[in-house]
Amino acid sequence: MGCVLTCSIVPEGTELDCGLPEHIVEEEVILAQNERLLIRAIRQATDGDAFYQQLSIYVDSNLIYYDQEKLFNMHAGLLPIVRELEGARGQFEILLGFVGQYEYDRILQVIVDSTVVVRQDTFPMFAGMHKDIDEDGRIEFIGNWFPDLNYCFDCDSSYYNPPAIYEMNVQGFRYDSVAVKQWIEENYGVFEGYETNKYQIIPLISAEKQAFQ
């Protein structure tokens, strides 16, 4: 089993442990920590992958976020990610992995200003193939809300299942509708909106462009 890479924001030389632990004891652990911020949760007693619940985020010793429902994960140590936002003193972004509806892996975004959560959003798990898709000078990350919705493998058609593309900018990750529309037109040849339609089959312009289908 290989590593699942998400954002590739990993210091050079970092070793990733892709092995599955034989047994995990339920205990409180620290998922991330710096001078101002602390993220901790209860690691569940399971055989296999590690999952975390009752997640708390503290800033300057103040509890600013708590979730006892979601099942969080770390994706081979790549998540959570804490990123200071440029040009916004005291503001930073936190990306957390969790298991979403239908068992799809998702990313929870939390934007913190000082000691207050000012924005939350949910993304699909990024696939790791990040690049400047629309050539605007900013990097986009790509994922899919329904990554296993396949009409067939190695064929020239697909369900209408456009990706979700997010741009990494100074305000944090934001949905990039321009890049999504460009991807749809290049791959499907016709723009039918941003939502998945599992009842609509679209011929692919090129059989080589079946990423995320």
C-alpha atoms as a PDB file:
ATOM      1  CA  MET A   1       0.000   0.000   0.000  1.00  0.00           C
ATOM      2  CA  GLY A   2       1.463   3.370  -1.023  1.00  0.00           C
ATOM      3  CA  CYS A   3       1.333   6.742   0.668  1.00  0.00           C
ATOM      4  CA  VAL A   4      -1.676   8.980   0.015  1.00  0.00           C
ATOM      5  CA  LEU A   5      -0.263  12.408  -0.793  1.00  0.00           C
ATOM      6  CA  THR A   6      -2.434  15.475  -0.415  1.00  0.00           C
ATOM      7  CA  CYS A   7      -0.752  18.866  -0.585  1.00  0.00           C
ATOM      8  CA  SER A   8       2.929  17.909  -0.722  1.00  0.00           C
ATOM      9  CA  ILE A   9       3.711  20.719   1.742  1.00  0.00           C
ATOM     10  CA  VAL A  10       6.353  18.611   3.449  1.00  0.00           C
ATOM     11  CA  PRO A  11       9.888  19.739   4.404  1.00  0.00           C
ATOM     12  CA  GLU A  12      12.619  18.148   2.319  1.00  0.00           C
ATOM     13  CA  GLY A  13      14.047  15.081   3.990  1.00  0.00           C
ATOM     14  CA  THR A  14      10.868  14.277   5.943  1.00  0.00           C
ATOM     15  CA  GLU A  15      10.327  10.536   6.267  1.00  0.00           C
ATOM     16  CA  LEU A  16       6.758   9.317   5.776  1.00  0.00           C
ATOM     17  CA  ASP A  17       5.638   6.182   7.557  1.00  0.00           C
ATOM     18  CA  CYS A  18       3.252   4.345   5.243  1.00  0.00           C
ATOM     19  CA  GLY A  19       3.002   1.235   7.382  1.00  0.00           C
ATOM     20  CA  LEU A  20      -0.148   0.395   9.314  1.00  0.00           C
ATOM     21  CA  PRO A  21       0.235   0.100  13.086  1.00  0.00           C
ATOM     22  CA  GLU A  22      -0.713  -3.291  14.460  1.00  0.00           C
ATOM     23  CA  HIS A  23      -2.593  -1.858  17.406  1.00  0.00           C
ATOM     24  CA  ILE A  24      -3.444   1.669  18.504  1.00  0.00           C
ATOM     25  CA  VAL A  25      -4.257   2.536  22.100  1.00  0.00           C
ATOM     26  CA  GLU A  26      -6.955   5.084  22.852  1.00  0.00           C
ATOM     27  CA  GLU A  27      -5.273   8.147  24.339  1.00  0.00           C
ATOM     28  CA  GLU A  28      -5.073  11.918  24.027  1.00  0.00           C
ATOM     29  CA  VAL A  29      -2.382  13.017  21.553  1.00  0.00           C
ATOM     30  CA  ILE A  30      -1.073  16.296  20.121  1.00  0.00           C
ATOM     31  CA  LEU A  31      -1.595  16.548  16.343  1.00  0.00           C
ATOM     32  CA  ALA A  32       0.108  19.935  15.856  1.00  0.00           C
ATOM     33  CA  GLN A  33       1.742  22.551  18.055  1.00  0.00           C
ATOM     34  CA  ASN A  34       3.625  25.818  17.734  1.00  0.00           C
ATOM     35  CA  GLU A  35       4.187  28.894  19.906  1.00  0.00           C
ATOM     36  CA  ARG A  36       0.525  29.968  19.710  1.00  0.00           C
ATOM     37  CA  LEU A  37      -1.467  26.994  18.560  1.00  0.00           C
ATOM     38  CA  LEU A  38      -2.236  23.527  19.909  1.00  0.00           C
ATOM     39  CA  ILE A  39      -4.335  20.827  18.221  1.00  0.00           C
ATOM     40  CA  ARG A  40      -5.105  17.704  20.216  1.00  0.00           C
ATOM     41  CA  ALA A  41      -7.564  14.830  19.998  1.00  0.00           C
ATOM     42  CA  ILE A  42      -8.364  11.373  21.311  1.00  0.00           C
ATOM     43  CA  ARG A  43      -6.717   8.649  19.250  1.00  0.00           C
ATOM     44  CA  GLN A  44      -9.113   5.757  18.865  1.00  0.00           C
ATOM     45  CA  ALA A  45      -8.239   2.193  19.895  1.00  0.00           C
ATOM     46  CA  THR A  46      -8.348   0.412  16.526  1.00  0.00           C
ATOM     47  CA  ASP A  47      -6.483  -2.199  14.536  1.00  0.00           C
ATOM     48  CA  GLY A  48      -5.191  -0.528  11.373  1.00  0.00           C
ATOM     49  CA  ASP A  49      -5.280   3.154  10.484  1.00  0.00           C
ATOM     50  CA  ALA A  50      -5.236   5.761  13.247  1.00  0.00           C
ATOM     51  CA  PHE A  51      -8.370   7.899  13.641  1.00  0.00           C
ATOM     52  CA  TYR A  52      -9.011  10.766  16.037  1.00  0.00           C
ATOM     53  CA  GLN A  53     -12.108  12.201  17.718  1.00  0.00           C
ATOM     54  CA  GLN A  54     -12.951  14.948  20.226  1.00  0.00           C
ATOM     55  CA  LEU A  55     -10.598  17.304  18.423  1.00  0.00           C
ATOM     56  CA  SER A  56      -9.755  20.622  20.096  1.00  0.00           C
ATOM     57  CA  ILE A  57      -7.915  23.656  18.735  1.00  0.00           C
ATOM     58  CA  TYR A  58      -6.385  26.159  21.167  1.00  0.00           C
ATOM     59  CA  VAL A  59      -4.859  29.535  20.303  1.00  0.00           C
ATOM     60  CA  ASP A  60      -2.973  31.351  23.054  1.00  0.00           C
ATOM     61  CA  SER A  61      -4.448  28.773  25.478  1.00  0.00           C
ATOM     62  CA  ASN A  62      -8.009  29.708  24.404  1.00  0.00           C
ATOM     63  CA  LEU A  63     -10.270  26.936  23.110  1.00  0.00           C
ATOM     64  CA  ILE A  64     -11.507  28.198  19.716  1.00  0.00           C
ATOM     65  CA  TYR A  65     -12.782  24.991  18.087  1.00  0.00           C
ATOM     66  CA  TYR A  66     -14.106  21.654  19.317  1.00  0.00           C
ATOM     67  CA  ASP A  67     -15.621  18.736  17.397  1.00  0.00           C
ATOM     68  CA  GLN A  68     -16.747  15.475  18.953  1.00  0.00           C
ATOM     69  CA  GLU A  69     -18.550  14.054  15.900  1.00  0.00           C
ATOM     70  CA  LYS A  70     -16.078  13.887  13.007  1.00  0.00           C
ATOM     71  CA  LEU A  71     -13.582  11.069  12.558  1.00  0.00           C
ATOM     72  CA  PHE A  72     -10.282  12.807  11.757  1.00  0.00           C
ATOM     73  CA  ASN A  73      -7.215  11.285  10.094  1.00  0.00           C
ATOM     74  CA  MET A  74      -3.659  12.382   9.312  1.00  0.00           C
ATOM     75  CA  HIS A  75      -2.968  10.848   5.874  1.00  0.00           C
ATOM     76  CA  ALA A  76       0.504   9.438   6.498  1.00  0.00           C
ATOM     77  CA  GLY A  77       1.433  12.449   8.629  1.00  0.00           C
ATOM     78  CA  LEU A  78       0.686  15.087   5.955  1.00  0.00           C
ATOM     79  CA  LEU A  79      -2.266  16.565   7.847  1.00  0.00           C
ATOM     80  CA  PRO A  80      -3.027  18.712   9.744  1.00  0.00           C
ATOM     81  CA  ILE A  81      -1.375  21.667   8.013  1.00  0.00           C
ATOM     82  CA  VAL A  82      -1.072  25.035   9.766  1.00  0.00           C
ATOM     83  CA  ARG A  83      -0.214  27.964   7.484  1.00  0.00           C
ATOM     84  CA  GLU A  84       0.252  31.622   8.393  1.00  0.00           C
ATOM     85  CA  LEU A  85      -1.553  33.831   5.878  1.00  0.00           C
ATOM     86  CA  GLU A  86       0.498  36.512   4.178  1.00  0.00           C
ATOM     87  CA  GLY A  87      -0.495  40.109   4.709  1.00  0.00           C
ATOM     88  CA  ALA A  88      -2.868  39.254   7.559  1.00  0.00           C
ATOM     89  CA  ARG A  89      -1.084  39.573  10.878  1.00  0.00           C
ATOM     90  CA  GLY A  90      -2.314  37.052  13.424  1.00  0.00           C
ATOM     91  CA  GLN A  91      -4.373  35.156  10.836  1.00  0.00           C
ATOM     92  CA  PHE A  92      -3.677  31.582   9.802  1.00  0.00           C
ATOM     93  CA  GLU A  93      -5.242  28.597   8.087  1.00  0.00           C
ATOM     94  CA  ILE A  94      -5.639  25.059   9.428  1.00  0.00           C
ATOM     95  CA  LEU A  95      -6.345  22.079   7.156  1.00  0.00           C
ATOM     96  CA  LEU A  96      -7.595  18.875   8.813  1.00  0.00           C
ATOM     97  CA  GLY A  97      -8.394  15.518   7.239  1.00  0.00           C
ATOM     98  CA  PHE A  98     -11.601  13.712   8.166  1.00  0.00           C
ATOM     99  CA  VAL A  99     -13.880  10.922   6.947  1.00  0.00           C
ATOM    100  CA  GLY A 100     -16.914  12.436   5.260  1.00  0.00           C
ATOM    101  CA  GLN A 101     -20.271  11.229   3.963  1.00  0.00           C
ATOM    102  CA  TYR A 102     -20.191   7.907   2.084  1.00  0.00           C
ATOM    103  CA  GLU A 103     -16.736   7.280   3.636  1.00  0.00           C
ATOM    104  CA  TYR A 104     -15.024   9.771   1.304  1.00  0.00           C
ATOM    105  CA  ASP A 105     -11.996  11.522   2.766  1.00  0.00           C
ATOM    106  CA  ARG A 106     -12.439  15.268   3.096  1.00  0.00           C
ATOM    107  CA  ILE A 107     -10.465  18.325   4.204  1.00  0.00           C
ATOM    108  CA  LEU A 108     -11.818  20.730   6.816  1.00  0.00           C
ATOM    109  CA  GLN A 109     -10.523  24.293   6.472  1.00  0.00           C
ATOM    110  CA  VAL A 110     -10.500  26.535   9.541  1.00  0.00           C
ATOM    111  CA  ILE A 111      -9.414  30.185   9.208  1.00  0.00           C
ATOM    112  CA  VAL A 112      -8.428  31.828  12.483  1.00  0.00           C
ATOM    113  CA  ASP A 113      -8.014  35.558  13.088  1.00  0.00           C
ATOM    114  CA  SER A 114      -6.319  36.193  16.432  1.00  0.00           C
ATOM    115  CA  THR A 115      -8.312  33.842  18.678  1.00  0.00           C
ATOM    116  CA  VAL A 116     -11.547  33.710  16.653  1.00  0.00           C
ATOM    117  CA  VAL A 117     -12.620  31.276  13.915  1.00  0.00           C
ATOM    118  CA  VAL A 118     -13.731  33.535  11.055  1.00  0.00           C
ATOM    119  CA  ARG A 119     -14.336  30.951   8.331  1.00  0.00           C
ATOM    120  CA  GLN A 120     -14.847  27.221   7.853  1.00  0.00           C
ATOM    121  CA  ASP A 121     -15.146  25.223   4.643  1.00  0.00           C
ATOM    122  CA  THR A 122     -14.993  21.624   3.444  1.00  0.00           C
ATOM    123  CA  PHE A 123     -12.959  20.420   0.452  1.00  0.00           C
ATOM    124  CA  PRO A 124     -12.576  17.037  -1.207  1.00  0.00           C
ATOM    125  CA  MET A 125      -9.239  15.393  -0.454  1.00  0.00           C
ATOM    126  CA  PHE A 126      -6.602  16.788  -2.816  1.00  0.00           C
ATOM    127  CA  ALA A 127      -5.046  14.299  -5.207  1.00  0.00           C
ATOM    128  CA  GLY A 128      -1.524  15.759  -5.059  1.00  0.00           C
ATOM    129  CA  MET A 129      -1.330  16.888  -8.699  1.00  0.00           C
ATOM    130  CA  HIS A 130      -1.132  20.605  -8.026  1.00  0.00           C
ATOM    131  CA  LYS A 131      -0.187  23.123 -10.706  1.00  0.00           C
ATOM    132  CA  ASP A 132      -1.123  26.508 -12.159  1.00  0.00           C
ATOM    133  CA  ILE A 133      -4.101  25.231 -14.172  1.00  0.00           C
ATOM    134  CA  ASP A 134      -5.429  28.562 -15.458  1.00  0.00           C
ATOM    135  CA  GLU A 135      -1.984  30.201 -15.757  1.00  0.00           C
ATOM    136  CA  ASP A 136      -2.797  33.067 -13.399  1.00  0.00           C
ATOM    137  CA  GLY A 137       0.445  32.752 -11.436  1.00  0.00           C
ATOM    138  CA  ARG A 138      -1.140  30.905  -8.500  1.00  0.00           C
ATOM    139  CA  ILE A 139      -1.060  27.203  -7.705  1.00  0.00           C
ATOM    140  CA  GLU A 140      -4.313  25.220  -7.816  1.00  0.00           C
ATOM    141  CA  PHE A 141      -5.033  21.962  -5.989  1.00  0.00           C
ATOM    142  CA  ILE A 142      -7.486  19.480  -7.457  1.00  0.00           C
ATOM    143  CA  GLY A 143      -9.788  16.881  -5.931  1.00  0.00           C
ATOM    144  CA  ASN A 144     -13.175  15.318  -6.592  1.00  0.00           C
ATOM    145  CA  TRP A 145     -16.310  15.006  -4.472  1.00  0.00           C
ATOM    146  CA  PHE A 146     -17.060  11.593  -6.035  1.00  0.00           C
ATOM    147  CA  PRO A 147     -13.646  10.168  -7.016  1.00  0.00           C
ATOM    148  CA  ASP A 148     -14.881   6.625  -7.683  1.00  0.00           C
ATOM    149  CA  LEU A 149     -17.828   7.536  -9.937  1.00  0.00           C
ATOM    150  CA  ASN A 150     -16.674   5.756 -13.102  1.00  0.00           C
ATOM    151  CA  TYR A 151     -18.750   5.098 -16.207  1.00  0.00           C
ATOM    152  CA  CYS A 152     -16.119   2.582 -17.232  1.00  0.00           C
ATOM    153  CA  PHE A 153     -12.353   2.281 -17.096  1.00  0.00           C
ATOM    154  CA  ASP A 154     -10.154   3.136 -20.103  1.00  0.00           C
ATOM    155  CA  CYS A 155     -13.106   4.265 -22.202  1.00  0.00           C
ATOM    156  CA  ASP A 156     -13.868   7.418 -24.169  1.00  0.00           C
ATOM    157  CA  SER A 157     -16.867   8.551 -22.084  1.00  0.00           C
ATOM    158  CA  SER A 158     -17.503   9.623 -18.512  1.00  0.00           C
ATOM    159  CA  TYR A 159     -20.295  10.610 -16.184  1.00  0.00           C
ATOM    160  CA  TYR A 160     -20.460  14.397 -15.856  1.00  0.00           C
ATOM    161  CA  ASN A 161     -18.204  14.534 -12.817  1.00  0.00           C
ATOM    162  CA  PRO A 162     -16.074  17.698 -12.856  1.00  0.00           C
ATOM    163  CA  PRO A 163     -13.306  18.122 -10.288  1.00  0.00           C
ATOM    164  CA  ALA A 164     -13.243  20.671  -7.489  1.00  0.00           C
ATOM    165  CA  ILE A 165     -10.266  23.000  -7.859  1.00  0.00           C
ATOM    166  CA  TYR A 166      -8.964  25.271  -5.101  1.00  0.00           C
ATOM    167  CA  GLU A 167      -6.473  28.073  -5.466  1.00  0.00           C
ATOM    168  CA  MET A 168      -3.842  28.612  -2.789  1.00  0.00           C
ATOM    169  CA  ASN A 169      -3.705  32.350  -2.146  1.00  0.00           C
ATOM    170  CA  VAL A 170      -3.025  34.837   0.637  1.00  0.00           C
ATOM    171  CA  GLN A 171      -6.577  34.549   2.004  1.00  0.00           C
ATOM    172  CA  GLY A 172      -6.321  30.759   2.257  1.00  0.00           C
ATOM    173  CA  PHE A 173      -7.535  28.069  -0.140  1.00  0.00           C
ATOM    174  CA  ARG A 174     -10.491  29.270  -2.254  1.00  0.00           C
ATOM    175  CA  TYR A 175     -12.681  27.502  -4.816  1.00  0.00           C
ATOM    176  CA  ASP A 176     -11.539  28.484  -8.320  1.00  0.00           C
ATOM    177  CA  SER A 177     -14.584  28.429 -10.599  1.00  0.00           C
ATOM    178  CA  VAL A 178     -12.579  29.786 -13.563  1.00  0.00           C
ATOM    179  CA  ALA A 179     -10.139  26.869 -13.421  1.00  0.00           C
ATOM    180  CA  VAL A 180     -12.999  24.362 -13.011  1.00  0.00           C
ATOM    181  CA  LYS A 181     -14.839  25.720 -16.062  1.00  0.00           C
ATOM    182  CA  GLN A 182     -11.633  25.620 -18.082  1.00  0.00           C
ATOM    183  CA  TRP A 183     -11.063  21.980 -17.068  1.00  0.00           C
ATOM    184  CA  ILE A 184     -14.656  21.046 -18.023  1.00  0.00           C
ATOM    185  CA  GLU A 185     -14.410  22.670 -21.441  1.00  0.00           C
ATOM    186  CA  GLU A 186     -11.029  21.057 -22.154  1.00  0.00           C
ATOM    187  CA  ASN A 187     -12.126  17.571 -21.081  1.00  0.00           C
ATOM    188  CA  TYR A 188     -15.872  17.453 -21.850  1.00  0.00           C
ATOM    189  CA  GLY A 189     -16.150  20.060 -24.578  1.00  0.00           C
ATOM    190  CA  VAL A 190     -19.390  21.401 -23.117  1.00  0.00           C
ATOM    191  CA  PHE A 191     -20.063  23.269 -19.866  1.00  0.00           C
ATOM    192  CA  GLU A 192     -23.122  21.911 -18.005  1.00  0.00           C
ATOM    193  CA  GLY A 193     -22.456  23.501 -14.611  1.00  0.00           C
ATOM    194  CA  TYR A 194     -20.179  22.769 -11.695  1.00  0.00           C
ATOM    195  CA  GLU A 195     -22.160  19.943 -10.071  1.00  0.00           C
ATOM    196  CA  THR A 196     -21.805  16.190 -10.658  1.00  0.00           C
ATOM    197  CA  ASN A 197     -24.588  14.537 -12.661  1.00  0.00           C
ATOM    198  CA  LYS A 198     -24.360  10.750 -12.406  1.00  0.00           C
ATOM    199  CA  TYR A 199     -27.191  10.356 -14.937  1.00  0.00           C
ATOM    200  CA  GLN A 200     -25.423  12.272 -17.720  1.00  0.00           C
ATOM    201  CA  ILE A 201     -22.750  10.554 -19.834  1.00  0.00           C
ATOM    202  CA  ILE A 202     -20.259  12.839 -21.603  1.00  0.00           C
ATOM    203  CA  PRO A 203     -17.835  11.819 -24.403  1.00  0.00           C
ATOM    204  CA  LEU A 204     -14.272  12.719 -23.448  1.00  0.00           C
ATOM    205  CA  ILE A 205     -12.366  14.929 -25.858  1.00  0.00           C
ATOM    206  CA  SER A 206      -9.298  12.773 -25.291  1.00  0.00           C
ATOM    207  CA  ALA A 207      -9.099   9.346 -23.702  1.00  0.00           C
ATOM    208  CA  GLU A 208      -5.870  10.538 -22.089  1.00  0.00           C
ATOM    209  CA  LYS A 209      -7.829  13.148 -20.074  1.00  0.00           C
ATOM    210  CA  GLN A 210      -9.626  10.845 -17.678  1.00  0.00           C
ATOM    211  CA  ALA A 211      -8.053  12.067 -14.447  1.00  0.00           C
ATOM    212  CA  PHE A 212     -10.519  12.063 -11.555  1.00  0.00           C
ATOM    213  CA  GLN A 213     -13.094  10.087 -13.583  1.00  0.00           C
END
